[in-house]
Amino acid sequence: MDLGSIKTVRGVRLTMRSSSTDTSIDFAVLGDNSGLTTVSTV
């Protein structure tokens, strides 16, 4: 997602949906300033 300009990001809140009830979900949040296709810093 594009935040429109450089921001100091302190957290992300997610509400997820899944068809499974007994398996885990892993998340990584990545950020960058170069462009949407190069977002790679965890």
ModelCIF file with pLDDT and N, C-alpha, C, O atoms, coordinates in Angstrom:
data_MODEL
#
_entry.id   MODEL 
#
_entity.id                         1 
_entity.type                       polymer 
_entity.pdbx_number_of_molecules   1 
#
_entity_poly.entity_id                      1 
_entity_poly.type                           'polypeptide(L)' 
_entity_poly.nstd_linkage                   no 
_entity_poly.nstd_monomer                   no 
_entity_poly.pdbx_seq_one_letter_code       MDLGSIKTVRGVRLTMRSSSTDTSIDFAVLGDNSGLTTVSTV 
_entity_poly.pdbx_seq_one_letter_code_can   MDLGSIKTVRGVRLTMRSSSTDTSIDFAVLGDNSGLTTVSTV 
_entity_poly.pdbx_strand_id                 A 
#
loop_
_entity_poly_seq.entity_id 
_entity_poly_seq.num 
_entity_poly_seq.mon_id 
_entity_poly_seq.hetero 
1 1  MET n 
1 2  ASP n 
1 3  LEU n 
1 4  GLY n 
1 5  SER n 
1 6  ILE n 
1 7  LYS n 
1 8  THR n 
1 9  VAL n 
1 10 ARG n 
1 11 GLY n 
1 12 VAL n 
1 13 ARG n 
1 14 LEU n 
1 15 THR n 
1 16 MET n 
1 17 ARG n 
1 18 SER n 
1 19 SER n 
1 20 SER n 
1 21 THR n 
1 22 ASP n 
1 23 THR n 
1 24 SER n 
1 25 ILE n 
1 26 ASP n 
1 27 PHE n 
1 28 ALA n 
1 29 VAL n 
1 30 LEU n 
1 31 GLY n 
1 32 ASP n 
1 33 ASN n 
1 34 SER n 
1 35 GLY n 
1 36 LEU n 
1 37 THR n 
1 38 THR n 
1 39 VAL n 
1 40 SER n 
1 41 THR n 
1 42 VAL n 
#
_struct_asym.id          A 
_struct_asym.entity_id   1 
#
loop_
_ma_qa_metric.id 
_ma_qa_metric.mode 
_ma_qa_metric.name 
_ma_qa_metric.software_group_id 
_ma_qa_metric.type 
1 global pLDDT . pLDDT 
2 local  pLDDT . pLDDT 
#
_ma_qa_metric_global.metric_id      1 
_ma_qa_metric_global.metric_value   86.62 
_ma_qa_metric_global.model_id       1 
_ma_qa_metric_global.ordinal_id     1 
#
loop_
_ma_qa_metric_local.label_asym_id 
_ma_qa_metric_local.label_comp_id 
_ma_qa_metric_local.label_seq_id 
_ma_qa_metric_local.metric_id 
_ma_qa_metric_local.metric_value 
_ma_qa_metric_local.model_id 
_ma_qa_metric_local.ordinal_id 
A MET 1  2 91.00 1 1  
A ASP 2  2 93.00 1 2  
A LEU 3  2 93.00 1 3  
A GLY 4  2 94.00 1 4  
A SER 5  2 95.00 1 5  
A ILE 6  2 94.00 1 6  
A LYS 7  2 94.00 1 7  
A THR 8  2 95.00 1 8  
A VAL 9  2 95.00 1 9  
A ARG 10 2 95.00 1 10 
A GLY 11 2 95.00 1 11 
A VAL 12 2 95.00 1 12 
A ARG 13 2 94.00 1 13 
A LEU 14 2 89.00 1 14 
A THR 15 2 86.00 1 15 
A MET 16 2 82.00 1 16 
A ARG 17 2 81.00 1 17 
A SER 18 2 79.00 1 18 
A SER 19 2 77.00 1 19 
A SER 20 2 69.00 1 20 
A THR 21 2 68.00 1 21 
A ASP 22 2 75.00 1 22 
A THR 23 2 77.00 1 23 
A SER 24 2 82.00 1 24 
A ILE 25 2 85.00 1 25 
A ASP 26 2 87.00 1 26 
A PHE 27 2 86.00 1 27 
A ALA 28 2 91.00 1 28 
A VAL 29 2 93.00 1 29 
A LEU 30 2 92.00 1 30 
A GLY 31 2 93.00 1 31 
A ASP 32 2 91.00 1 32 
A ASN 33 2 90.00 1 33 
A SER 34 2 86.00 1 34 
A GLY 35 2 80.00 1 35 
A LEU 36 2 74.00 1 36 
A THR 37 2 76.00 1 37 
A THR 38 2 78.00 1 38 
A VAL 39 2 85.00 1 39 
A SER 40 2 84.00 1 40 
A THR 41 2 89.00 1 41 
A VAL 42 2 90.00 1 42 
#
loop_
_atom_site.group_PDB 
_atom_site.id 
_atom_site.type_symbol 
_atom_site.label_atom_id 
_atom_site.label_alt_id 
_atom_site.label_comp_id 
_atom_site.label_asym_id 
_atom_site.label_entity_id 
_atom_site.label_seq_id 
_atom_site.pdbx_PDB_ins_code 
_atom_site.Cartn_x 
_atom_site.Cartn_y 
_atom_site.Cartn_z 
_atom_site.occupancy 
_atom_site.B_iso_or_equiv 
_atom_site.pdbx_formal_charge 
_atom_site.auth_seq_id 
_atom_site.auth_comp_id 
_atom_site.auth_asym_id 
_atom_site.auth_atom_id 
_atom_site.pdbx_PDB_model_num 
ATOM 1   N N  . MET A 1 1  ? 0.830   -1.172  0.000  1.00 91.00 ? 1  MET A N  1 
ATOM 2   C CA . MET A 1 1  ? 0.000   0.000   0.000  1.00 91.00 ? 1  MET A CA 1 
ATOM 3   C C  . MET A 1 1  ? 0.872   1.231   0.000  1.00 91.00 ? 1  MET A C  1 
ATOM 4   O O  . MET A 1 1  ? 1.963   1.234   0.569  1.00 91.00 ? 1  MET A O  1 
ATOM 5   N N  . ASP A 1 2  ? 0.396   2.254   -0.628 1.00 93.00 ? 2  ASP A N  1 
ATOM 6   C CA . ASP A 1 2  ? 1.102   3.525   -0.735 1.00 93.00 ? 2  ASP A CA 1 
ATOM 7   C C  . ASP A 1 2  ? 0.523   4.459   0.320  1.00 93.00 ? 2  ASP A C  1 
ATOM 8   O O  . ASP A 1 2  ? -0.677  4.736   0.309  1.00 93.00 ? 2  ASP A O  1 
ATOM 9   N N  . LEU A 1 3  ? 1.359   4.947   1.228  1.00 93.00 ? 3  LEU A N  1 
ATOM 10  C CA . LEU A 1 3  ? 0.910   5.851   2.282  1.00 93.00 ? 3  LEU A CA 1 
ATOM 11  C C  . LEU A 1 3  ? 0.852   7.303   1.806  1.00 93.00 ? 3  LEU A C  1 
ATOM 12  O O  . LEU A 1 3  ? 0.438   8.182   2.562  1.00 93.00 ? 3  LEU A O  1 
ATOM 13  N N  . GLY A 1 4  ? 1.260   7.563   0.567  1.00 94.00 ? 4  GLY A N  1 
ATOM 14  C CA . GLY A 1 4  ? 1.171   8.901   -0.009 1.00 94.00 ? 4  GLY A CA 1 
ATOM 15  C C  . GLY A 1 4  ? 2.426   9.730   0.165  1.00 94.00 ? 4  GLY A C  1 
ATOM 16  O O  . GLY A 1 4  ? 2.774   10.514  -0.719 1.00 94.00 ? 4  GLY A O  1 
ATOM 17  N N  . SER A 1 5  ? 3.108   9.575   1.281  1.00 95.00 ? 5  SER A N  1 
ATOM 18  C CA . SER A 1 5  ? 4.382   10.235  1.557  1.00 95.00 ? 5  SER A CA 1 
ATOM 19  C C  . SER A 1 5  ? 5.082   9.432   2.648  1.00 95.00 ? 5  SER A C  1 
ATOM 20  O O  . SER A 1 5  ? 4.499   8.503   3.206  1.00 95.00 ? 5  SER A O  1 
ATOM 21  N N  . ILE A 1 6  ? 6.308   9.779   2.948  1.00 94.00 ? 6  ILE A N  1 
ATOM 22  C CA . ILE A 1 6  ? 7.046   9.035   3.978  1.00 94.00 ? 6  ILE A CA 1 
ATOM 23  C C  . ILE A 1 6  ? 6.420   9.316   5.340  1.00 94.00 ? 6  ILE A C  1 
ATOM 24  O O  . ILE A 1 6  ? 6.222   10.470  5.721  1.00 94.00 ? 6  ILE A O  1 
ATOM 25  N N  . LYS A 1 7  ? 6.116   8.249   6.064  1.00 94.00 ? 7  LYS A N  1 
ATOM 26  C CA . LYS A 1 7  ? 5.487   8.314   7.392  1.00 94.00 ? 7  LYS A CA 1 
ATOM 27  C C  . LYS A 1 7  ? 6.319   7.480   8.364  1.00 94.00 ? 7  LYS A C  1 
ATOM 28  O O  . LYS A 1 7  ? 7.017   6.553   7.955  1.00 94.00 ? 7  LYS A O  1 
ATOM 29  N N  . THR A 1 8  ? 6.241   7.813   9.648  1.00 95.00 ? 8  THR A N  1 
ATOM 30  C CA . THR A 1 8  ? 6.828   6.985   10.697 1.00 95.00 ? 8  THR A CA 1 
ATOM 31  C C  . THR A 1 8  ? 5.769   5.976   11.104 1.00 95.00 ? 8  THR A C  1 
ATOM 32  O O  . THR A 1 8  ? 4.787   6.332   11.756 1.00 95.00 ? 8  THR A O  1 
ATOM 33  N N  . VAL A 1 9  ? 5.960   4.732   10.729 1.00 95.00 ? 9  VAL A N  1 
ATOM 34  C CA . VAL A 1 9  ? 4.974   3.677   10.960 1.00 95.00 ? 9  VAL A CA 1 
ATOM 35  C C  . VAL A 1 9  ? 5.302   2.971   12.273 1.00 95.00 ? 9  VAL A C  1 
ATOM 36  O O  . VAL A 1 9  ? 6.399   2.438   12.440 1.00 95.00 ? 9  VAL A O  1 
ATOM 37  N N  . ARG A 1 10 ? 4.341   2.969   13.210 1.00 95.00 ? 10 ARG A N  1 
ATOM 38  C CA . ARG A 1 10 ? 4.557   2.385   14.539 1.00 95.00 ? 10 ARG A CA 1 
ATOM 39  C C  . ARG A 1 10 ? 3.810   1.064   14.749 1.00 95.00 ? 10 ARG A C  1 
ATOM 40  O O  . ARG A 1 10 ? 4.114   0.319   15.681 1.00 95.00 ? 10 ARG A O  1 
ATOM 41  N N  . GLY A 1 11 ? 2.837   0.780   13.886 1.00 95.00 ? 11 GLY A N  1 
ATOM 42  C CA . GLY A 1 11 ? 2.110   -0.475  14.025 1.00 95.00 ? 11 GLY A CA 1 
ATOM 43  C C  . GLY A 1 11 ? 1.082   -0.665  12.935 1.00 95.00 ? 11 GLY A C  1 
ATOM 44  O O  . GLY A 1 11 ? 0.686   0.280   12.252 1.00 95.00 ? 11 GLY A O  1 
ATOM 45  N N  . VAL A 1 12 ? 0.655   -1.913  12.786 1.00 95.00 ? 12 VAL A N  1 
ATOM 46  C CA . VAL A 1 12 ? -0.382  -2.277  11.821 1.00 95.00 ? 12 VAL A CA 1 
ATOM 47  C C  . VAL A 1 12 ? -1.388  -3.155  12.553 1.00 95.00 ? 12 VAL A C  1 
ATOM 48  O O  . VAL A 1 12 ? -1.012  -4.063  13.294 1.00 95.00 ? 12 VAL A O  1 
ATOM 49  N N  . ARG A 1 13 ? -2.668  -2.876  12.337 1.00 94.00 ? 13 ARG A N  1 
ATOM 50  C CA . ARG A 1 13 ? -3.742  -3.673  12.928 1.00 94.00 ? 13 ARG A CA 1 
ATOM 51  C C  . ARG A 1 13 ? -4.475  -4.373  11.791 1.00 94.00 ? 13 ARG A C  1 
ATOM 52  O O  . ARG A 1 13 ? -4.944  -3.728  10.853 1.00 94.00 ? 13 ARG A O  1 
ATOM 53  N N  . LEU A 1 14 ? -4.570  -5.711  11.882 1.00 89.00 ? 14 LEU A N  1 
ATOM 54  C CA . LEU A 1 14 ? -5.180  -6.521  10.827 1.00 89.00 ? 14 LEU A CA 1 
ATOM 55  C C  . LEU A 1 14 ? -6.368  -7.295  11.376 1.00 89.00 ? 14 LEU A C  1 
ATOM 56  O O  . LEU A 1 14 ? -6.329  -7.797  12.499 1.00 89.00 ? 14 LEU A O  1 
ATOM 57  N N  . THR A 1 15 ? -7.410  -7.385  10.587 1.00 86.00 ? 15 THR A N  1 
ATOM 58  C CA . THR A 1 15 ? -8.494  -8.327  10.858 1.00 86.00 ? 15 THR A CA 1 
ATOM 59  C C  . THR A 1 15 ? -8.500  -9.290  9.689  1.00 86.00 ? 15 THR A C  1 
ATOM 60  O O  . THR A 1 15 ? -8.695  -8.894  8.540  1.00 86.00 ? 15 THR A O  1 
ATOM 61  N N  . MET A 1 16 ? -8.285  -10.557 9.993  1.00 82.00 ? 16 MET A N  1 
ATOM 62  C CA . MET A 1 16 ? -8.121  -11.547 8.934  1.00 82.00 ? 16 MET A CA 1 
ATOM 63  C C  . MET A 1 16 ? -9.327  -12.455 8.819  1.00 82.00 ? 16 MET A C  1 
ATOM 64  O O  . MET A 1 16 ? -10.149 -12.553 9.730  1.00 82.00 ? 16 MET A O  1 
ATOM 65  N N  . ARG A 1 17 ? -9.412  -13.110 7.687  1.00 81.00 ? 17 ARG A N  1 
ATOM 66  C CA . ARG A 1 17 ? -10.431 -14.134 7.438  1.00 81.00 ? 17 ARG A CA 1 
ATOM 67  C C  . ARG A 1 17 ? -9.719  -15.341 6.849  1.00 81.00 ? 17 ARG A C  1 
ATOM 68  O O  . ARG A 1 17 ? -8.793  -15.201 6.051  1.00 81.00 ? 17 ARG A O  1 
ATOM 69  N N  . SER A 1 18 ? -10.164 -16.532 7.252  1.00 79.00 ? 18 SER A N  1 
ATOM 70  C CA . SER A 1 18 ? -9.543  -17.762 6.794  1.00 79.00 ? 18 SER A CA 1 
ATOM 71  C C  . SER A 1 18 ? -10.565 -18.881 6.855  1.00 79.00 ? 18 SER A C  1 
ATOM 72  O O  . SER A 1 18 ? -11.508 -18.822 7.645  1.00 79.00 ? 18 SER A O  1 
ATOM 73  N N  . SER A 1 19 ? -10.387 -19.900 6.027  1.00 77.00 ? 19 SER A N  1 
ATOM 74  C CA . SER A 1 19 ? -11.318 -21.033 6.049  1.00 77.00 ? 19 SER A CA 1 
ATOM 75  C C  . SER A 1 19 ? -10.910 -22.080 7.079  1.00 77.00 ? 19 SER A C  1 
ATOM 76  O O  . SER A 1 19 ? -11.692 -22.979 7.390  1.00 77.00 ? 19 SER A O  1 
ATOM 77  N N  . SER A 1 20 ? -9.712  -21.973 7.604  1.00 69.00 ? 20 SER A N  1 
ATOM 78  C CA . SER A 1 20 ? -9.223  -22.948 8.569  1.00 69.00 ? 20 SER A CA 1 
ATOM 79  C C  . SER A 1 20 ? -9.424  -22.442 9.988  1.00 69.00 ? 20 SER A C  1 
ATOM 80  O O  . SER A 1 20 ? -9.430  -21.234 10.222 1.00 69.00 ? 20 SER A O  1 
ATOM 81  N N  . THR A 1 21 ? -9.589  -23.353 10.930 1.00 68.00 ? 21 THR A N  1 
ATOM 82  C CA . THR A 1 21 ? -9.756  -22.940 12.320 1.00 68.00 ? 21 THR A CA 1 
ATOM 83  C C  . THR A 1 21 ? -8.659  -23.469 13.230 1.00 68.00 ? 21 THR A C  1 
ATOM 84  O O  . THR A 1 21 ? -8.533  -23.006 14.364 1.00 68.00 ? 21 THR A O  1 
ATOM 85  N N  . ASP A 1 22 ? -7.871  -24.414 12.773 1.00 75.00 ? 22 ASP A N  1 
ATOM 86  C CA . ASP A 1 22 ? -6.890  -25.016 13.676 1.00 75.00 ? 22 ASP A CA 1 
ATOM 87  C C  . ASP A 1 22 ? -5.458  -24.935 13.167 1.00 75.00 ? 22 ASP A C  1 
ATOM 88  O O  . ASP A 1 22 ? -4.607  -25.718 13.588 1.00 75.00 ? 22 ASP A O  1 
ATOM 89  N N  . THR A 1 23 ? -5.185  -24.006 12.275 1.00 77.00 ? 23 THR A N  1 
ATOM 90  C CA . THR A 1 23 ? -3.826  -23.826 11.773 1.00 77.00 ? 23 THR A CA 1 
ATOM 91  C C  . THR A 1 23 ? -3.364  -22.404 12.070 1.00 77.00 ? 23 THR A C  1 
ATOM 92  O O  . THR A 1 23 ? -4.175  -21.512 12.316 1.00 77.00 ? 23 THR A O  1 
ATOM 93  N N  . SER A 1 24 ? -2.061  -22.210 12.043 1.00 82.00 ? 24 SER A N  1 
ATOM 94  C CA . SER A 1 24 ? -1.516  -20.891 12.359 1.00 82.00 ? 24 SER A CA 1 
ATOM 95  C C  . SER A 1 24 ? -1.411  -20.017 11.117 1.00 82.00 ? 24 SER A C  1 
ATOM 96  O O  . SER A 1 24 ? -1.461  -20.495 9.983  1.00 82.00 ? 24 SER A O  1 
ATOM 97  N N  . ILE A 1 25 ? -1.263  -18.720 11.371 1.00 85.00 ? 25 ILE A N  1 
ATOM 98  C CA . ILE A 1 25 ? -1.055  -17.734 10.319 1.00 85.00 ? 25 ILE A CA 1 
ATOM 99  C C  . ILE A 1 25 ? 0.166   -16.912 10.712 1.00 85.00 ? 25 ILE A C  1 
ATOM 100 O O  . ILE A 1 25 ? 0.229   -16.390 11.825 1.00 85.00 ? 25 ILE A O  1 
ATOM 101 N N  . ASP A 1 26 ? 1.130   -16.793 9.811  1.00 87.00 ? 26 ASP A N  1 
ATOM 102 C CA . ASP A 1 26 ? 2.327   -15.993 10.034 1.00 87.00 ? 26 ASP A CA 1 
ATOM 103 C C  . ASP A 1 26 ? 2.249   -14.737 9.186  1.00 87.00 ? 26 ASP A C  1 
ATOM 104 O O  . ASP A 1 26 ? 1.829   -14.788 8.030  1.00 87.00 ? 26 ASP A O  1 
ATOM 105 N N  . PHE A 1 27 ? 2.652   -13.609 9.757  1.00 86.00 ? 27 PHE A N  1 
ATOM 106 C CA . PHE A 1 27 ? 2.661   -12.339 9.048  1.00 86.00 ? 27 PHE A CA 1 
ATOM 107 C C  . PHE A 1 27 ? 4.044   -11.722 9.092  1.00 86.00 ? 27 PHE A C  1 
ATOM 108 O O  . PHE A 1 27 ? 4.748   -11.828 10.096 1.00 86.00 ? 27 PHE A O  1 
ATOM 109 N N  . ALA A 1 28 ? 4.430   -11.082 8.007  1.00 91.00 ? 28 ALA A N  1 
ATOM 110 C CA . ALA A 1 28 ? 5.582   -10.196 7.977  1.00 91.00 ? 28 ALA A CA 1 
ATOM 111 C C  . ALA A 1 28 ? 5.087   -8.874  7.405  1.00 91.00 ? 28 ALA A C  1 
ATOM 112 O O  . ALA A 1 28 ? 4.379   -8.858  6.399  1.00 91.00 ? 28 ALA A O  1 
ATOM 113 N N  . VAL A 1 29 ? 5.453   -7.781  8.034  1.00 93.00 ? 29 VAL A N  1 
ATOM 114 C CA . VAL A 1 29 ? 5.134   -6.449  7.528  1.00 93.00 ? 29 VAL A CA 1 
ATOM 115 C C  . VAL A 1 29 ? 6.440   -5.869  7.003  1.00 93.00 ? 29 VAL A C  1 
ATOM 116 O O  . VAL A 1 29 ? 7.434   -5.795  7.725  1.00 93.00 ? 29 VAL A O  1 
ATOM 117 N N  . LEU A 1 30 ? 6.425   -5.460  5.743  1.00 92.00 ? 30 LEU A N  1 
ATOM 118 C CA . LEU A 1 30 ? 7.624   -4.949  5.076  1.00 92.00 ? 30 LEU A CA 1 
ATOM 119 C C  . LEU A 1 30 ? 7.404   -3.510  4.653  1.00 92.00 ? 30 LEU A C  1 
ATOM 120 O O  . LEU A 1 30 ? 6.269   -3.104  4.402  1.00 92.00 ? 30 LEU A O  1 
ATOM 121 N N  . GLY A 1 31 ? 8.471   -2.734  4.572  1.00 93.00 ? 31 GLY A N  1 
ATOM 122 C CA . GLY A 1 31 ? 8.369   -1.340  4.168  1.00 93.00 ? 31 GLY A CA 1 
ATOM 123 C C  . GLY A 1 31 ? 9.535   -0.914  3.319  1.00 93.00 ? 31 GLY A C  1 
ATOM 124 O O  . GLY A 1 31 ? 10.591  -1.548  3.330  1.00 93.00 ? 31 GLY A O  1 
ATOM 125 N N  . ASP A 1 32 ? 9.342   0.176   2.573  1.00 91.00 ? 32 ASP A N  1 
ATOM 126 C CA . ASP A 1 32 ? 10.388  0.681   1.693  1.00 91.00 ? 32 ASP A CA 1 
ATOM 127 C C  . ASP A 1 32 ? 9.978   2.066   1.205  1.00 91.00 ? 32 ASP A C  1 
ATOM 128 O O  . ASP A 1 32 ? 8.837   2.486   1.396  1.00 91.00 ? 32 ASP A O  1 
ATOM 129 N N  . ASN A 1 33 ? 10.904  2.763   0.582  1.00 90.00 ? 33 ASN A N  1 
ATOM 130 C CA . ASN A 1 33 ? 10.617  4.070   -0.009 1.00 90.00 ? 33 ASN A CA 1 
ATOM 131 C C  . ASN A 1 33 ? 10.789  4.089   -1.518 1.00 90.00 ? 33 ASN A C  1 
ATOM 132 O O  . ASN A 1 33 ? 10.471  5.089   -2.161 1.00 90.00 ? 33 ASN A O  1 
ATOM 133 N N  . SER A 1 34 ? 11.292  2.994   -2.099 1.00 86.00 ? 34 SER A N  1 
ATOM 134 C CA . SER A 1 34 ? 11.634  2.967   -3.517 1.00 86.00 ? 34 SER A CA 1 
ATOM 135 C C  . SER A 1 34 ? 10.451  2.719   -4.436 1.00 86.00 ? 34 SER A C  1 
ATOM 136 O O  . SER A 1 34 ? 10.456  3.189   -5.574 1.00 86.00 ? 34 SER A O  1 
ATOM 137 N N  . GLY A 1 35 ? 9.451   2.005   -3.984 1.00 80.00 ? 35 GLY A N  1 
ATOM 138 C CA . GLY A 1 35 ? 8.306   1.696   -4.837 1.00 80.00 ? 35 GLY A CA 1 
ATOM 139 C C  . GLY A 1 35 ? 7.638   0.417   -4.391 1.00 80.00 ? 35 GLY A C  1 
ATOM 140 O O  . GLY A 1 35 ? 8.222   -0.381  -3.657 1.00 80.00 ? 35 GLY A O  1 
ATOM 141 N N  . LEU A 1 36 ? 6.412   0.226   -4.836 1.00 74.00 ? 36 LEU A N  1 
ATOM 142 C CA . LEU A 1 36 ? 5.638   -0.934  -4.407 1.00 74.00 ? 36 LEU A CA 1 
ATOM 143 C C  . LEU A 1 36 ? 6.257   -2.256  -4.835 1.00 74.00 ? 36 LEU A C  1 
ATOM 144 O O  . LEU A 1 36 ? 6.092   -3.258  -4.138 1.00 74.00 ? 36 LEU A O  1 
ATOM 145 N N  . THR A 1 37 ? 6.953   -2.289  -5.940 1.00 76.00 ? 37 THR A N  1 
ATOM 146 C CA . THR A 1 37 ? 7.499   -3.562  -6.419 1.00 76.00 ? 37 THR A CA 1 
ATOM 147 C C  . THR A 1 37 ? 8.796   -3.951  -5.720 1.00 76.00 ? 37 THR A C  1 
ATOM 148 O O  . THR A 1 37 ? 9.262   -5.078  -5.887 1.00 76.00 ? 37 THR A O  1 
ATOM 149 N N  . THR A 1 38 ? 9.391   -3.049  -4.942 1.00 78.00 ? 38 THR A N  1 
ATOM 150 C CA . THR A 1 38 ? 10.664  -3.336  -4.289 1.00 78.00 ? 38 THR A CA 1 
ATOM 151 C C  . THR A 1 38 ? 10.574  -3.373  -2.771 1.00 78.00 ? 38 THR A C  1 
ATOM 152 O O  . THR A 1 38 ? 11.610  -3.365  -2.106 1.00 78.00 ? 38 THR A O  1 
ATOM 153 N N  . VAL A 1 39 ? 9.393   -3.413  -2.206 1.00 85.00 ? 39 VAL A N  1 
ATOM 154 C CA . VAL A 1 39 ? 9.240   -3.401  -0.755 1.00 85.00 ? 39 VAL A CA 1 
ATOM 155 C C  . VAL A 1 39 ? 9.839   -4.677  -0.182 1.00 85.00 ? 39 VAL A C  1 
ATOM 156 O O  . VAL A 1 39 ? 9.324   -5.770  -0.419 1.00 85.00 ? 39 VAL A O  1 
ATOM 157 N N  . SER A 1 40 ? 10.947  -4.537  0.585  1.00 84.00 ? 40 SER A N  1 
ATOM 158 C CA . SER A 1 40 ? 11.646  -5.736  1.028  1.00 84.00 ? 40 SER A CA 1 
ATOM 159 C C  . SER A 1 40 ? 12.195  -5.676  2.450  1.00 84.00 ? 40 SER A C  1 
ATOM 160 O O  . SER A 1 40 ? 12.649  -6.701  2.960  1.00 84.00 ? 40 SER A O  1 
ATOM 161 N N  . THR A 1 41 ? 12.173  -4.536  3.102  1.00 89.00 ? 41 THR A N  1 
ATOM 162 C CA . THR A 1 41 ? 12.727  -4.423  4.448  1.00 89.00 ? 41 THR A CA 1 
ATOM 163 C C  . THR A 1 41 ? 11.696  -4.879  5.473  1.00 89.00 ? 41 THR A C  1 
ATOM 164 O O  . THR A 1 41 ? 10.616  -4.294  5.567  1.00 89.00 ? 41 THR A O  1 
ATOM 165 N N  . VAL A 1 42 ? 12.016  -5.911  6.237  1.00 90.00 ? 42 VAL A N  1 
ATOM 166 C CA . VAL A 1 42 ? 11.081  -6.438  7.236  1.00 90.00 ? 42 VAL A CA 1 
ATOM 167 C C  . VAL A 1 42 ? 11.029  -5.489  8.425  1.00 90.00 ? 42 VAL A C  1 
ATOM 168 O O  . VAL A 1 42 ? 10.301  -5.741  9.385  1.00 90.00 ? 42 VAL A O  1 
#
